[in-house]
Structure formats: structure tokens, C-alpha cells
Amino acid sequence: MTVKKSEEKKAKAPAKKTAKKAPAKKAVPTDMEVITDAILEKKGQNVISLDLRKEGSGICDFFVICNADSTTNVSAIADNIEDRMIERLKKKVLRSQGKENRFWIIQDYGDIVVHIFQTEYRNFYRLEDLWSDCDKKTYED
């Protein structure tokens, strides 16, 4: 049996592979997304962020501020933020204060400082009024 050269080449050529699509990469959430989502999961109220970068204060880049009506809820929000940051971004809180009294918990994540108030204390301290020149963003469910 004689084989033509073209048929010979076809027999020796490796089979073409069909291109497989790479699985879609999940977008890595930002610190701000994880923090605000964690607050809203636990029914945090009046969730805002203040962009402090233009102020040049050097404290941090952003404040996230929210409130809840009970000390139990304030504590639950703080715990949920810590859990979600570790779970989704492998980041631990650098410093935290206020867990012992639970009327104003502050969590420091470096560029973002989170303030979780019991409602009456947020109304008293009016932290966002002190930084009223900053750009403000509101978060809702």
C-alpha cells in the first residue's frame, strides 16, 4: 500500500487541541467593600465613609462610620467585620478599642478606621460633622 506524502504528514501531525476558556477569576473585594458589607449584614445603620485623603491629616485614608441601637448589635457588627476581613482578605485588625463598653468601638485597618457607635453616642459626638469638608459616601442594603 502506498501512502501519499500529504496523508503521511496528516498521520504524523499531533491532533489540534481545542482552546479551553480559563475559568473567570473572581474579583477580589476591596477592604471598603468587605467592611461595609459586614456592617450591613448585621443591620448597621446610617453607614457612611469619609474620604480623608484630601485633608492630609495622616490619620488614615478613610473613616467608616455606622451605628446600632444596642450594645449587643454594636459588638456583633465589630465581630462580623473582623471575621469577614480575615475570611475574605486574610487581614486582621491592627488595633481595636471600645469592646469592653460597646458604645463606641473603633477598629484600625491601616488605611481605614471603622467607628461603630451606639446610636445615642453617634448623635452626641457627631463625628462626621468634624470632617464635613470630606467627600462622603452612603451605603445601603
Protein backbone atom coordinates (compact mmCIF):
# COMPACT_ATOMS: atom_id res chain seq x y z
CA MET A 1 0.00 0.00 0.00
CA THR A 2 1.35 3.34 -0.97
CA VAL A 3 0.74 6.39 1.14
CA LYS A 4 0.79 9.83 -0.34
CA LYS A 5 3.02 12.39 1.31
CA SER A 6 0.10 14.63 2.35
CA GLU A 7 -1.63 11.74 4.07
CA GLU A 8 1.64 10.81 5.74
CA LYS A 9 2.00 14.32 7.20
CA LYS A 10 -1.54 14.26 8.50
CA ALA A 11 -0.92 10.96 10.23
CA LYS A 12 2.21 12.27 11.96
CA ALA A 13 0.80 15.71 12.95
CA PRO A 14 -0.48 15.91 16.51
CA ALA A 15 -4.18 16.41 16.93
CA LYS A 16 -5.22 20.05 17.37
CA LYS A 17 -6.28 20.93 20.86
CA THR A 18 -9.41 22.92 21.31
CA ALA A 19 -8.81 26.07 23.28
CA LYS A 20 -10.37 25.93 26.71
CA LYS A 21 -11.60 29.09 28.29
CA ALA A 22 -9.90 29.91 31.54
CA PRO A 23 -12.28 29.98 34.46
CA ALA A 24 -13.43 33.51 35.23
CA LYS A 25 -11.42 34.99 38.05
CA LYS A 26 -13.41 36.22 40.97
CA ALA A 27 -12.78 39.87 41.62
CA VAL A 28 -11.01 40.42 44.91
CA PRO A 29 -13.20 42.67 47.03
CA THR A 30 -11.72 45.85 48.41
CA ASP A 31 -11.30 46.44 52.12
CA MET A 32 -14.10 49.02 51.93
CA GLU A 33 -16.49 46.54 50.27
CA VAL A 34 -15.82 43.85 52.85
CA ILE A 35 -16.18 46.26 55.79
CA THR A 36 -19.38 47.91 54.58
CA ASP A 37 -20.94 44.57 53.57
CA ALA A 38 -20.13 43.16 57.02
CA ILE A 39 -21.77 46.17 58.68
CA LEU A 40 -24.90 45.87 56.56
CA GLU A 41 -25.08 42.09 57.20
CA LYS A 42 -25.54 42.83 60.89
CA LYS A 43 -28.05 45.63 60.29
CA GLY A 44 -25.72 48.55 60.90
CA GLN A 45 -27.49 51.86 60.35
CA ASN A 46 -26.51 55.09 58.57
CA VAL A 47 -23.36 53.55 57.07
CA ILE A 48 -21.06 56.16 55.53
CA SER A 49 -17.44 56.53 54.55
CA LEU A 50 -15.47 59.75 54.67
CA ASP A 51 -12.55 60.20 52.28
CA LEU A 52 -9.82 61.88 54.36
CA ARG A 53 -7.09 61.79 51.71
CA LYS A 54 -7.57 65.42 50.65
CA GLU A 55 -7.41 66.58 54.25
CA GLY A 56 -3.82 65.43 54.61
CA SER A 57 -4.39 64.52 58.25
CA GLY A 58 -2.23 61.41 58.05
CA ILE A 59 -4.58 59.55 60.40
CA CYS A 60 -5.84 57.26 57.65
CA ASP A 61 -7.39 57.45 54.18
CA PHE A 62 -10.99 56.68 55.16
CA PHE A 63 -13.32 56.65 58.14
CA VAL A 64 -16.27 54.27 58.01
CA ILE A 65 -18.99 55.26 60.46
CA CYS A 66 -22.15 53.44 61.44
CA ASN A 67 -24.46 53.00 64.39
CA ALA A 68 -26.73 50.43 66.03
CA ASP A 69 -29.41 50.73 68.70
CA SER A 70 -27.95 48.29 71.25
CA THR A 71 -24.57 47.42 72.67
CA THR A 72 -25.19 43.82 71.60
CA ASN A 73 -25.61 44.92 67.98
CA VAL A 74 -22.56 47.21 68.15
CA SER A 75 -20.50 44.25 69.32
CA ALA A 76 -21.97 41.93 66.66
CA ILE A 77 -21.08 44.40 63.91
CA ALA A 78 -17.49 44.72 65.16
CA ASP A 79 -17.10 40.94 65.40
CA ASN A 80 -18.56 40.45 61.91
CA ILE A 81 -16.16 42.97 60.38
CA GLU A 82 -13.19 41.18 61.96
CA ASP A 83 -14.46 37.77 60.81
CA ARG A 84 -15.15 38.88 57.22
CA MET A 85 -11.81 40.70 56.84
CA ILE A 86 -9.94 37.56 57.92
CA GLU A 87 -12.16 35.23 55.90
CA ARG A 88 -12.18 37.19 52.63
CA LEU A 89 -8.93 39.19 52.67
CA LYS A 90 -6.76 37.47 55.30
CA LYS A 91 -6.41 40.81 57.15
CA LYS A 92 -6.50 41.20 60.90
CA VAL A 93 -7.48 44.36 62.70
CA LEU A 94 -4.33 46.28 63.71
CA ARG A 95 -5.87 47.90 66.79
CA SER A 96 -9.31 47.91 68.36
CA GLN A 97 -10.78 49.85 71.27
CA GLY A 98 -14.13 50.01 72.99
CA LYS A 99 -15.12 46.36 73.10
CA GLU A 100 -15.33 46.44 76.88
CA ASN A 101 -18.10 49.07 76.99
CA ARG A 102 -19.54 48.58 73.45
CA PHE A 103 -20.97 52.07 72.97
CA TRP A 104 -18.22 53.15 70.55
CA ILE A 105 -15.90 50.54 69.04
CA ILE A 106 -13.01 51.70 66.88
CA GLN A 107 -11.20 49.31 64.55
CA ASP A 108 -7.99 50.28 62.77
CA TYR A 109 -7.22 48.57 59.47
CA GLY A 110 -4.40 50.92 58.49
CA ASP A 111 -5.88 52.95 55.66
CA ILE A 112 -9.42 52.56 57.02
CA VAL A 113 -10.59 53.27 60.57
CA VAL A 114 -14.07 51.99 61.43
CA HIS A 115 -16.27 53.69 64.05
CA ILE A 116 -19.22 51.65 65.31
CA PHE A 117 -21.42 53.72 67.61
CA GLN A 118 -24.43 53.04 69.72
CA THR A 119 -27.00 55.43 68.17
CA GLU A 120 -27.22 57.92 71.05
CA TYR A 121 -23.41 58.31 71.15
CA ARG A 122 -23.15 58.85 67.41
CA ASN A 123 -25.74 61.60 67.73
CA PHE A 124 -23.80 63.12 70.63
CA TYR A 125 -20.28 63.03 69.12
CA ARG A 126 -21.37 63.82 65.51
CA LEU A 127 -18.01 62.64 64.19
CA GLU A 128 -18.95 63.20 60.55
CA ASP A 129 -19.63 66.89 61.32
CA LEU A 130 -15.99 67.29 62.39
CA TRP A 131 -14.95 66.09 58.93
CA SER A 132 -17.73 67.81 56.96
CA ASP A 133 -15.33 69.03 54.23
CA CYS A 134 -14.54 65.45 53.22
CA ASP A 135 -16.20 63.52 50.41
CA LYS A 136 -18.94 61.35 51.87
CA LYS A 137 -20.41 58.11 50.51
CA THR A 138 -23.51 56.37 51.86
CA TYR A 139 -24.01 52.57 51.86
CA GLU A 140 -27.37 50.81 51.94
CA ASP A 141 -28.70 47.28 51.63
